[in-house]
Amino acid sequence: MYLLQNPDWTGEAICVDNSGKQSQFFIPSIGLETYMTPNKAVDLNGTVMVKAANISIPDLAVDFIPLS
């Protein structure tokens, strides 16, 4: 609900695993982990700014897109 109520929210995502097709990121400000493909390579423990895109409350799912 927070992300739906704050559509302009952006946050920092930390790369915690980049060994697969998509990298795994942790977003500390909202306590979520997600998988995504960043615009450029991100080293382990590197950061990227993200924005919430597709939010589905019934599925408890959020897609994040990298901003940088």
PDB file of N, CA and C in Angstrom:
ATOM      1  N   MET A   1       0.821  -1.191   0.000  1.00  0.00           N
ATOM      2  CA  MET A   1       0.000   0.000   0.000  1.00  0.00           C
ATOM      3  C   MET A   1       0.868   1.260   0.000  1.00  0.00           C
ATOM      4  N   TYR A   2       1.971   1.221   0.744  1.00  0.00           N
ATOM      5  CA  TYR A   2       2.839   2.402   0.817  1.00  0.00           C
ATOM      6  C   TYR A   2       3.281   2.846  -0.566  1.00  0.00           C
ATOM      7  N   LEU A   3       3.694   1.907  -1.402  1.00  0.00           N
ATOM      8  CA  LEU A   3       4.177   2.261  -2.732  1.00  0.00           C
ATOM      9  C   LEU A   3       3.053   2.774  -3.627  1.00  0.00           C
ATOM     10  N   LEU A   4       1.839   2.265  -3.462  1.00  0.00           N
ATOM     11  CA  LEU A   4       0.699   2.798  -4.208  1.00  0.00           C
ATOM     12  C   LEU A   4       0.370   4.221  -3.768  1.00  0.00           C
ATOM     13  N   GLN A   5       0.514   4.488  -2.490  1.00  0.00           N
ATOM     14  CA  GLN A   5       0.212   5.810  -1.952  1.00  0.00           C
ATOM     15  C   GLN A   5       1.319   6.825  -2.226  1.00  0.00           C
ATOM     16  N   ASN A   6       2.503   6.347  -2.597  1.00  0.00           N
ATOM     17  CA  ASN A   6       3.650   7.217  -2.861  1.00  0.00           C
ATOM     18  C   ASN A   6       4.238   6.882  -4.236  1.00  0.00           C
ATOM     19  N   PRO A   7       3.535   7.248  -5.313  1.00  0.00           N
ATOM     20  CA  PRO A   7       3.966   6.851  -6.659  1.00  0.00           C
ATOM     21  C   PRO A   7       5.303   7.445  -7.092  1.00  0.00           C
ATOM     22  N   ASP A   8       5.755   8.499  -6.445  1.00  0.00           N
ATOM     23  CA  ASP A   8       7.042   9.112  -6.801  1.00  0.00           C
ATOM     24  C   ASP A   8       8.202   8.560  -5.988  1.00  0.00           C
ATOM     25  N   TRP A   9       7.960   7.526  -5.184  1.00  0.00           N
ATOM     26  CA  TRP A   9       8.995   6.951  -4.337  1.00  0.00           C
ATOM     27  C   TRP A   9      10.138   6.397  -5.188  1.00  0.00           C
ATOM     28  N   THR A  10      11.349   6.667  -4.747  1.00  0.00           N
ATOM     29  CA  THR A  10      12.544   6.042  -5.305  1.00  0.00           C
ATOM     30  C   THR A  10      13.407   5.616  -4.127  1.00  0.00           C
ATOM     31  N   GLY A  11      14.215   4.599  -4.335  1.00  0.00           N
ATOM     32  CA  GLY A  11      15.062   4.119  -3.254  1.00  0.00           C
ATOM     33  C   GLY A  11      16.309   3.446  -3.778  1.00  0.00           C
ATOM     34  N   GLU A  12      17.218   3.197  -2.871  1.00  0.00           N
ATOM     35  CA  GLU A  12      18.488   2.562  -3.208  1.00  0.00           C
ATOM     36  C   GLU A  12      18.355   1.053  -3.041  1.00  0.00           C
ATOM     37  N   ALA A  13      18.801   0.315  -4.046  1.00  0.00           N
ATOM     38  CA  ALA A  13      18.791  -1.149  -4.001  1.00  0.00           C
ATOM     39  C   ALA A  13      20.237  -1.637  -4.006  1.00  0.00           C
ATOM     40  N   ILE A  14      20.548  -2.579  -3.138  1.00  0.00           N
ATOM     41  CA  ILE A  14      21.899  -3.123  -3.000  1.00  0.00           C
ATOM     42  C   ILE A  14      21.943  -4.507  -3.644  1.00  0.00           C
ATOM     43  N   CYS A  15      22.916  -4.727  -4.497  1.00  0.00           N
ATOM     44  CA  CYS A  15      23.066  -6.011  -5.176  1.00  0.00           C
ATOM     45  C   CYS A  15      23.601  -7.040  -4.179  1.00  0.00           C
ATOM     46  N   VAL A  16      22.816  -8.102  -3.950  1.00  0.00           N
ATOM     47  CA  VAL A  16      23.236  -9.146  -3.013  1.00  0.00           C
ATOM     48  C   VAL A  16      23.613 -10.445  -3.722  1.00  0.00           C
ATOM     49  N   ASP A  17      23.274 -10.550  -5.015  1.00  0.00           N
ATOM     50  CA  ASP A  17      23.651 -11.735  -5.798  1.00  0.00           C
ATOM     51  C   ASP A  17      23.551 -11.390  -7.276  1.00  0.00           C
ATOM     52  N   ASN A  18      24.631 -11.596  -7.999  1.00  0.00           N
ATOM     53  CA  ASN A  18      24.596 -11.323  -9.434  1.00  0.00           C
ATOM     54  C   ASN A  18      25.101 -12.520 -10.235  1.00  0.00           C
ATOM     55  N   SER A  19      24.798 -13.720  -9.761  1.00  0.00           N
ATOM     56  CA  SER A  19      25.314 -14.917 -10.411  1.00  0.00           C
ATOM     57  C   SER A  19      24.347 -15.512 -11.438  1.00  0.00           C
ATOM     58  N   GLY A  20      23.099 -15.080 -11.465  1.00  0.00           N
ATOM     59  CA  GLY A  20      22.126 -15.642 -12.391  1.00  0.00           C
ATOM     60  C   GLY A  20      21.830 -14.709 -13.549  1.00  0.00           C
ATOM     61  N   LYS A  21      20.741 -15.023 -14.270  1.00  0.00           N
ATOM     62  CA  LYS A  21      20.326 -14.181 -15.396  1.00  0.00           C
ATOM     63  C   LYS A  21      19.937 -12.791 -14.923  1.00  0.00           C
ATOM     64  N   GLN A  22      19.262 -12.737 -13.780  1.00  0.00           N
ATOM     65  CA  GLN A  22      18.895 -11.470 -13.184  1.00  0.00           C
ATOM     66  C   GLN A  22      19.613 -11.338 -11.848  1.00  0.00           C
ATOM     67  N   SER A  23      19.940 -10.117 -11.498  1.00  0.00           N
ATOM     68  CA  SER A  23      20.599  -9.869 -10.223  1.00  0.00           C
ATOM     69  C   SER A  23      19.558  -9.761  -9.117  1.00  0.00           C
ATOM     70  N   GLN A  24      19.948 -10.163  -7.912  1.00  0.00           N
ATOM     71  CA  GLN A  24      19.074 -10.042  -6.761  1.00  0.00           C
ATOM     72  C   GLN A  24      19.472  -8.802  -5.979  1.00  0.00           C
ATOM     73  N   PHE A  25      18.482  -8.010  -5.594  1.00  0.00           N
ATOM     74  CA  PHE A  25      18.716  -6.761  -4.880  1.00  0.00           C
ATOM     75  C   PHE A  25      17.911  -6.725  -3.599  1.00  0.00           C
ATOM     76  N   PHE A  26      18.449  -6.032  -2.605  1.00  0.00           N
ATOM     77  CA  PHE A  26      17.748  -5.771  -1.352  1.00  0.00           C
ATOM     78  C   PHE A  26      17.521  -4.276  -1.262  1.00  0.00           C
ATOM     79  N   ILE A  27      16.296  -3.882  -0.935  1.00  0.00           N
ATOM     80  CA  ILE A  27      15.940  -2.467  -0.804  1.00  0.00           C
ATOM     81  C   ILE A  27      15.695  -2.208   0.681  1.00  0.00           C
ATOM     82  N   PRO A  28      16.713  -1.706   1.391  1.00  0.00           N
ATOM     83  CA  PRO A  28      16.609  -1.581   2.853  1.00  0.00           C
ATOM     84  C   PRO A  28      15.511  -0.636   3.346  1.00  0.00           C
ATOM     85  N   SER A  29      15.227   0.427   2.621  1.00  0.00           N
ATOM     86  CA  SER A  29      14.256   1.402   3.108  1.00  0.00           C
ATOM     87  C   SER A  29      12.843   0.847   3.213  1.00  0.00           C
ATOM     88  N   ILE A  30      12.543  -0.225   2.458  1.00  0.00           N
ATOM     89  CA  ILE A  30      11.221  -0.850   2.548  1.00  0.00           C
ATOM     90  C   ILE A  30      11.307  -2.332   2.895  1.00  0.00           C
ATOM     91  N   GLY A  31      12.524  -2.833   3.101  1.00  0.00           N
ATOM     92  CA  GLY A  31      12.721  -4.204   3.544  1.00  0.00           C
ATOM     93  C   GLY A  31      12.297  -5.271   2.547  1.00  0.00           C
ATOM     94  N   LEU A  32      12.529  -5.041   1.265  1.00  0.00           N
ATOM     95  CA  LEU A  32      12.146  -6.001   0.231  1.00  0.00           C
ATOM     96  C   LEU A  32      13.347  -6.486  -0.560  1.00  0.00           C
ATOM     97  N   GLU A  33      13.250  -7.736  -1.017  1.00  0.00           N
ATOM     98  CA  GLU A  33      14.225  -8.277  -1.954  1.00  0.00           C
ATOM     99  C   GLU A  33      13.530  -8.443  -3.294  1.00  0.00           C
ATOM    100  N   THR A  34      14.265  -8.240  -4.376  1.00  0.00           N
ATOM    101  CA  THR A  34      13.694  -8.362  -5.710  1.00  0.00           C
ATOM    102  C   THR A  34      14.753  -8.788  -6.703  1.00  0.00           C
ATOM    103  N   TYR A  35      14.315  -9.322  -7.803  1.00  0.00           N
ATOM    104  CA  TYR A  35      15.209  -9.661  -8.908  1.00  0.00           C
ATOM    105  C   TYR A  35      14.941  -8.692 -10.046  1.00  0.00           C
ATOM    106  N   MET A  36      15.987  -8.214 -10.691  1.00  0.00           N
ATOM    107  CA  MET A  36      15.824  -7.352 -11.853  1.00  0.00           C
ATOM    108  C   MET A  36      17.113  -7.319 -12.658  1.00  0.00           C
ATOM    109  N   THR A  37      17.001  -6.824 -13.853  1.00  0.00           N
ATOM    110  CA  THR A  37      18.155  -6.653 -14.722  1.00  0.00           C
ATOM    111  C   THR A  37      18.477  -5.164 -14.766  1.00  0.00           C
ATOM    112  N   PRO A  38      19.584  -4.747 -14.177  1.00  0.00           N
ATOM    113  CA  PRO A  38      19.926  -3.318 -14.181  1.00  0.00           C
ATOM    114  C   PRO A  38      20.358  -2.863 -15.568  1.00  0.00           C
ATOM    115  N   ASN A  39      20.323  -1.548 -15.783  1.00  0.00           N
ATOM    116  CA  ASN A  39      20.715  -0.964 -17.067  1.00  0.00           C
ATOM    117  C   ASN A  39      22.189  -1.189 -17.372  1.00  0.00           C
ATOM    118  N   LYS A  40      23.007  -1.263 -16.331  1.00  0.00           N
ATOM    119  CA  LYS A  40      24.439  -1.518 -16.487  1.00  0.00           C
ATOM    120  C   LYS A  40      24.861  -2.509 -15.415  1.00  0.00           C
ATOM    121  N   ALA A  41      26.001  -3.135 -15.601  1.00  0.00           N
ATOM    122  CA  ALA A  41      26.486  -4.130 -14.647  1.00  0.00           C
ATOM    123  C   ALA A  41      26.660  -3.500 -13.260  1.00  0.00           C
ATOM    124  N   VAL A  42      26.236  -4.236 -12.255  1.00  0.00           N
ATOM    125  CA  VAL A  42      26.365  -3.791 -10.865  1.00  0.00           C
ATOM    126  C   VAL A  42      27.164  -4.843 -10.116  1.00  0.00           C
ATOM    127  N   ASP A  43      28.227  -4.401  -9.473  1.00  0.00           N
ATOM    128  CA  ASP A  43      29.058  -5.313  -8.677  1.00  0.00           C
ATOM    129  C   ASP A  43      28.304  -5.746  -7.430  1.00  0.00           C
ATOM    130  N   LEU A  44      28.731  -6.854  -6.858  1.00  0.00           N
ATOM    131  CA  LEU A  44      28.185  -7.314  -5.598  1.00  0.00           C
ATOM    132  C   LEU A  44      28.354  -6.211  -4.558  1.00  0.00           C
ATOM    133  N   ASN A  45      27.332  -5.931  -3.806  1.00  0.00           N
ATOM    134  CA  ASN A  45      27.259  -4.837  -2.824  1.00  0.00           C
ATOM    135  C   ASN A  45      27.199  -3.460  -3.462  1.00  0.00           C
ATOM    136  N   GLY A  46      27.137  -3.405  -4.791  1.00  0.00           N
ATOM    137  CA  GLY A  46      26.941  -2.137  -5.481  1.00  0.00           C
ATOM    138  C   GLY A  46      25.491  -1.705  -5.359  1.00  0.00           C
ATOM    139  N   THR A  47      25.221  -0.447  -5.637  1.00  0.00           N
ATOM    140  CA  THR A  47      23.869   0.072  -5.486  1.00  0.00           C
ATOM    141  C   THR A  47      23.348   0.651  -6.798  1.00  0.00           C
ATOM    142  N   VAL A  48      22.039   0.689  -6.888  1.00  0.00           N
ATOM    143  CA  VAL A  48      21.350   1.305  -8.014  1.00  0.00           C
ATOM    144  C   VAL A  48      20.054   1.915  -7.470  1.00  0.00           C
ATOM    145  N   MET A  49      19.656   3.040  -8.008  1.00  0.00           N
ATOM    146  CA  MET A  49      18.398   3.661  -7.608  1.00  0.00           C
ATOM    147  C   MET A  49      17.268   3.002  -8.382  1.00  0.00           C
ATOM    148  N   VAL A  50      16.162   2.727  -7.698  1.00  0.00           N
ATOM    149  CA  VAL A  50      15.031   2.045  -8.316  1.00  0.00           C
ATOM    150  C   VAL A  50      13.724   2.778  -8.036  1.00  0.00           C
ATOM    151  N   LYS A  51      12.744   2.453  -8.859  1.00  0.00           N
ATOM    152  CA  LYS A  51      11.397   2.992  -8.715  1.00  0.00           C
ATOM    153  C   LYS A  51      10.416   1.836  -8.864  1.00  0.00           C
ATOM    154  N   ALA A  52       9.324   1.868  -8.104  1.00  0.00           N
ATOM    155  CA  ALA A  52       8.297   0.833  -8.217  1.00  0.00           C
ATOM    156  C   ALA A  52       7.530   1.029  -9.517  1.00  0.00           C
ATOM    157  N   ALA A  53       7.231  -0.086 -10.191  1.00  0.00           N
ATOM    158  CA  ALA A  53       6.512  -0.005 -11.455  1.00  0.00           C
ATOM    159  C   ALA A  53       5.156  -0.686 -11.333  1.00  0.00           C
ATOM    160  N   ASN A  54       5.089  -1.960 -11.566  1.00  0.00           N
ATOM    161  CA  ASN A  54       3.828  -2.698 -11.526  1.00  0.00           C
ATOM    162  C   ASN A  54       3.580  -3.202 -10.112  1.00  0.00           C
ATOM    163  N   ILE A  55       2.540  -2.692  -9.482  1.00  0.00           N
ATOM    164  CA  ILE A  55       2.223  -3.059  -8.108  1.00  0.00           C
ATOM    165  C   ILE A  55       0.919  -3.842  -8.105  1.00  0.00           C
ATOM    166  N   SER A  56       0.957  -5.060  -7.558  1.00  0.00           N
ATOM    167  CA  SER A  56      -0.236  -5.904  -7.473  1.00  0.00           C
ATOM    168  C   SER A  56      -0.465  -6.299  -6.020  1.00  0.00           C
ATOM    169  N   ILE A  57      -1.448  -5.677  -5.401  1.00  0.00           N
ATOM    170  CA  ILE A  57      -1.780  -5.990  -4.013  1.00  0.00           C
ATOM    171  C   ILE A  57      -2.292  -7.436  -3.878  1.00  0.00           C
ATOM    172  N   PRO A  58      -3.209  -7.911  -4.751  1.00  0.00           N
ATOM    173  CA  PRO A  58      -3.689  -9.291  -4.594  1.00  0.00           C
ATOM    174  C   PRO A  58      -2.574 -10.335  -4.698  1.00  0.00           C
ATOM    175  N   ASP A  59      -1.580 -10.075  -5.555  1.00  0.00           N
ATOM    176  CA  ASP A  59      -0.474 -11.020  -5.729  1.00  0.00           C
ATOM    177  C   ASP A  59       0.685 -10.747  -4.775  1.00  0.00           C
ATOM    178  N   LEU A  60       0.579  -9.678  -3.993  1.00  0.00           N
ATOM    179  CA  LEU A  60       1.677  -9.235  -3.128  1.00  0.00           C
ATOM    180  C   LEU A  60       2.991  -9.142  -3.913  1.00  0.00           C
ATOM    181  N   ALA A  61       2.927  -8.475  -5.062  1.00  0.00           N
ATOM    182  CA  ALA A  61       4.087  -8.386  -5.952  1.00  0.00           C
ATOM    183  C   ALA A  61       4.317  -6.945  -6.403  1.00  0.00           C
ATOM    184  N   VAL A  62       5.589  -6.610  -6.530  1.00  0.00           N
ATOM    185  CA  VAL A  62       5.997  -5.300  -7.026  1.00  0.00           C
ATOM    186  C   VAL A  62       7.154  -5.509  -7.979  1.00  0.00           C
ATOM    187  N   ASP A  63       7.099  -4.871  -9.134  1.00  0.00           N
ATOM    188  CA  ASP A  63       8.235  -4.852 -10.049  1.00  0.00           C
ATOM    189  C   ASP A  63       8.962  -3.536  -9.844  1.00  0.00           C
ATOM    190  N   PHE A  64      10.280  -3.600  -9.829  1.00  0.00           N
ATOM    191  CA  PHE A  64      11.078  -2.395  -9.693  1.00  0.00           C
ATOM    192  C   PHE A  64      11.873  -2.183 -10.967  1.00  0.00           C
ATOM    193  N   ILE A  65      12.053  -0.931 -11.341  1.00  0.00           N
ATOM    194  CA  ILE A  65      12.855  -0.604 -12.519  1.00  0.00           C
ATOM    195  C   ILE A  65      14.033   0.255 -12.080  1.00  0.00           C
ATOM    196  N   PRO A  66      15.198  -0.004 -12.648  1.00  0.00           N
ATOM    197  CA  PRO A  66      16.375   0.802 -12.303  1.00  0.00           C
ATOM    198  C   PRO A  66      16.278   2.187 -12.935  1.00  0.00           C
ATOM    199  N   LEU A  67      16.739   3.182 -12.211  1.00  0.00           N
ATOM    200  CA  LEU A  67      16.727   4.557 -12.702  1.00  0.00           C
ATOM    201  C   LEU A  67      18.075   4.981 -13.263  1.00  0.00           C
ATOM    202  N   SER A  68      19.138   4.310 -12.852  1.00  0.00           N
ATOM    203  CA  SER A  68      20.456   4.727 -13.326  1.00  0.00           C
ATOM    204  C   SER A  68      21.204   3.564 -13.925  1.00  0.00           C
TER     205      SER A  68
END
